[in-house]
Amino acid sequence: MAKKKLKKSNSNTIALNKKARHNYSLTDKFEAGLSLQGWEIKSIRSGKVNISDCYVHIKNREAYLLGAEIMPLNAASSHVVCDANRDRKLLLNRRELDKLIGAVERDGYSLIATAMYWKACWVKLEFYLGKGKKDHDKRADIKDREWAVDKGRLMKNKNLDR
């Protein structure tokens, strides 16, 4: 009999933070590598990652990812202490770090993680500079989005009537 082929997903995305665009107005996009341990890579491969409440913090001219949950596997090694919420160092160029430090300290921006994905064999984190939205900003965005949907429906119905 022929061997069964394992199906691989074509998506490189590991985890998404869908609420980021709703809660923040995002401006500049950055990409950084993550300094991870072996058990974290195994957990990431099995999809046990949550970045919904995480953010990037700059301390001592280095960037760290705080609040990301990487749950350890049940078969993790017993001699390794697995901390699911530890701070993970981000790998950035000095020029990028200087730009981020200036934006955070002078302009009052926050650094919001939006996605974690595979790039070749490395895990990358996508994060943005952003400012928090007020409630009235969120309502305006929802209203604009609903109007765009209604406008599309009207145009579709208008084109069908011809």
Protein backbone atom coordinates (compact mmCIF):
# COMPACT_ATOMS: atom_id res chain seq x y z
CA MET A 1 0.00 0.00 0.00
CA ALA A 2 1.09 3.56 -0.60
CA LYS A 3 2.17 5.66 2.35
CA LYS A 4 -0.12 8.45 3.43
CA LYS A 5 1.32 11.90 2.93
CA LEU A 6 1.09 14.32 5.81
CA LYS A 7 -0.78 17.49 4.98
CA LYS A 8 1.15 20.66 5.71
CA SER A 9 -0.63 23.94 6.11
CA ASN A 10 0.56 26.60 3.69
CA SER A 11 0.01 29.39 6.18
CA ASN A 12 3.10 30.61 7.98
CA THR A 13 1.02 32.38 10.63
CA ILE A 14 1.39 31.02 14.15
CA ALA A 15 -0.77 33.45 16.14
CA LEU A 16 -2.69 36.69 15.54
CA ASN A 17 -3.80 39.54 17.77
CA LYS A 18 -7.12 40.48 16.16
CA LYS A 19 -8.10 43.07 18.79
CA ALA A 20 -5.04 45.24 18.13
CA ARG A 21 -6.58 47.09 15.18
CA HIS A 22 -9.77 47.68 17.15
CA ASN A 23 -8.09 49.05 20.28
CA TYR A 24 -5.18 50.98 18.71
CA SER A 25 -4.53 53.17 15.71
CA LEU A 26 -1.46 51.51 14.21
CA THR A 27 1.16 53.39 12.19
CA ASP A 28 4.65 51.96 11.59
CA LYS A 29 5.25 48.22 11.13
CA PHE A 30 8.31 46.41 12.49
CA GLU A 31 9.53 42.82 12.27
CA ALA A 32 11.76 41.21 14.87
CA GLY A 33 13.20 37.80 15.59
CA LEU A 34 12.61 36.13 18.95
CA SER A 35 15.15 34.60 21.29
CA LEU A 36 13.47 31.31 22.26
CA GLN A 37 14.32 28.12 24.10
CA GLY A 38 13.97 24.62 22.64
CA TRP A 39 10.77 23.70 24.47
CA GLU A 40 9.18 26.96 23.21
CA ILE A 41 9.89 26.06 19.59
CA LYS A 42 8.27 22.64 20.10
CA SER A 43 5.21 24.28 21.65
CA ILE A 44 5.01 26.82 18.84
CA ARG A 45 5.11 24.03 16.25
CA SER A 46 2.14 22.42 17.98
CA GLY A 47 0.27 25.75 18.04
CA LYS A 48 0.17 26.44 21.79
CA VAL A 49 0.71 30.22 21.53
CA ASN A 50 -1.43 33.17 22.61
CA ILE A 51 -0.37 36.75 21.84
CA SER A 52 -3.71 38.48 22.40
CA ASP A 53 -2.62 40.45 25.49
CA CYS A 54 1.06 40.96 24.77
CA TYR A 55 3.08 44.06 24.05
CA VAL A 56 6.70 45.09 23.50
CA HIS A 57 8.60 46.83 26.29
CA ILE A 58 11.97 48.56 25.97
CA LYS A 59 14.35 48.19 28.92
CA ASN A 60 18.09 48.98 29.00
CA ARG A 61 18.12 49.71 25.24
CA GLU A 62 16.75 46.22 24.50
CA ALA A 63 13.26 45.19 23.41
CA TYR A 64 11.31 42.44 25.20
CA LEU A 65 8.01 40.74 24.45
CA LEU A 66 5.83 40.70 27.57
CA GLY A 67 2.57 38.83 28.12
CA ALA A 68 2.92 36.24 25.35
CA GLU A 69 1.82 32.79 26.48
CA ILE A 70 3.64 29.77 25.10
CA MET A 71 2.20 26.78 26.93
CA PRO A 72 4.68 23.93 27.55
CA LEU A 73 3.97 20.50 26.12
CA ASN A 74 3.06 17.62 28.43
CA ALA A 75 6.10 15.71 27.20
CA ALA A 76 8.50 18.55 28.02
CA SER A 77 11.79 17.64 29.58
CA SER A 78 11.72 17.40 33.37
CA HIS A 79 15.07 19.12 33.92
CA VAL A 80 13.97 22.34 32.17
CA VAL A 81 11.87 24.88 34.06
CA CYS A 82 9.10 25.95 31.68
CA ASP A 83 7.75 29.45 32.35
CA ALA A 84 4.86 30.11 29.98
CA ASN A 85 4.84 33.91 30.48
CA ARG A 86 8.54 34.74 30.62
CA ASP A 87 9.92 37.87 28.95
CA ARG A 88 11.36 37.05 25.54
CA LYS A 89 14.07 39.18 23.99
CA LEU A 90 13.45 40.63 20.54
CA LEU A 91 16.28 40.75 18.03
CA LEU A 92 16.40 44.20 16.41
CA ASN A 93 19.03 46.43 14.82
CA ARG A 94 20.40 49.33 16.85
CA ARG A 95 18.88 51.81 14.37
CA GLU A 96 15.42 50.26 14.79
CA LEU A 97 15.78 50.27 18.57
CA ASP A 98 16.73 53.95 18.57
CA LYS A 99 13.69 54.80 16.45
CA LEU A 100 11.40 52.81 18.79
CA ILE A 101 12.90 54.37 21.93
CA GLY A 102 12.34 57.86 20.51
CA ALA A 103 8.75 57.14 19.51
CA VAL A 104 7.85 55.58 22.86
CA GLU A 105 9.57 58.09 25.15
CA ARG A 106 8.99 61.34 23.25
CA ASP A 107 5.81 60.79 21.29
CA GLY A 108 3.91 58.52 23.69
CA TYR A 109 3.44 55.56 21.36
CA SER A 110 2.89 51.97 22.45
CA LEU A 111 4.40 48.89 20.80
CA ILE A 112 1.64 46.38 20.02
CA ALA A 113 2.32 42.85 18.80
CA THR A 114 -0.07 41.84 16.01
CA ALA A 115 1.24 38.57 14.58
CA MET A 116 3.73 35.77 15.10
CA TYR A 117 4.77 33.75 12.05
CA TRP A 118 7.42 31.50 10.51
CA LYS A 119 9.94 33.01 8.12
CA ALA A 120 12.02 30.16 6.75
CA CYS A 121 13.00 28.32 9.94
CA TRP A 122 12.84 31.34 12.27
CA VAL A 123 9.97 32.66 14.36
CA LYS A 124 9.28 36.34 13.68
CA LEU A 125 7.08 38.84 15.50
CA GLU A 126 5.24 41.61 13.69
CA PHE A 127 4.50 44.65 15.83
CA TYR A 128 3.37 48.22 15.25
CA LEU A 129 3.75 51.63 16.78
CA GLY A 130 0.30 52.62 17.94
CA LYS A 131 -1.76 54.94 20.06
CA GLY A 132 -4.80 53.83 22.02
CA LYS A 133 -8.21 54.66 20.63
CA LYS A 134 -10.95 56.31 22.64
CA ASP A 135 -14.50 54.91 22.62
CA HIS A 136 -15.74 57.51 20.14
CA ASP A 137 -12.92 56.59 17.74
CA LYS A 138 -13.94 52.93 17.90
CA ARG A 139 -17.57 53.82 17.20
CA ALA A 140 -16.56 55.94 14.21
CA ASP A 141 -14.50 53.07 12.79
CA ILE A 142 -17.42 50.64 13.20
CA LYS A 143 -19.76 53.13 11.53
CA ASP A 144 -17.37 53.59 8.57
CA ARG A 145 -16.95 49.83 8.18
CA GLU A 146 -20.73 49.23 8.21
CA TRP A 147 -21.27 52.02 5.68
CA ALA A 148 -18.68 50.44 3.36
CA VAL A 149 -20.57 47.12 3.55
CA ASP A 150 -23.92 48.82 2.90
CA LYS A 151 -22.45 50.80 0.03
CA GLY A 152 -21.16 47.58 -1.53
CA ARG A 153 -24.62 46.01 -1.24
CA LEU A 154 -26.28 49.05 -2.82
CA MET A 155 -23.83 49.08 -5.71
CA LYS A 156 -24.27 45.34 -6.23
CA ASN A 157 -28.06 45.65 -6.31
CA LYS A 158 -27.83 48.67 -8.62
CA ASN A 159 -25.65 46.72 -11.06
CA LEU A 160 -28.05 43.74 -10.97
CA ASP A 161 -31.03 45.95 -11.93
CA ARG A 162 -29.51 46.83 -15.30
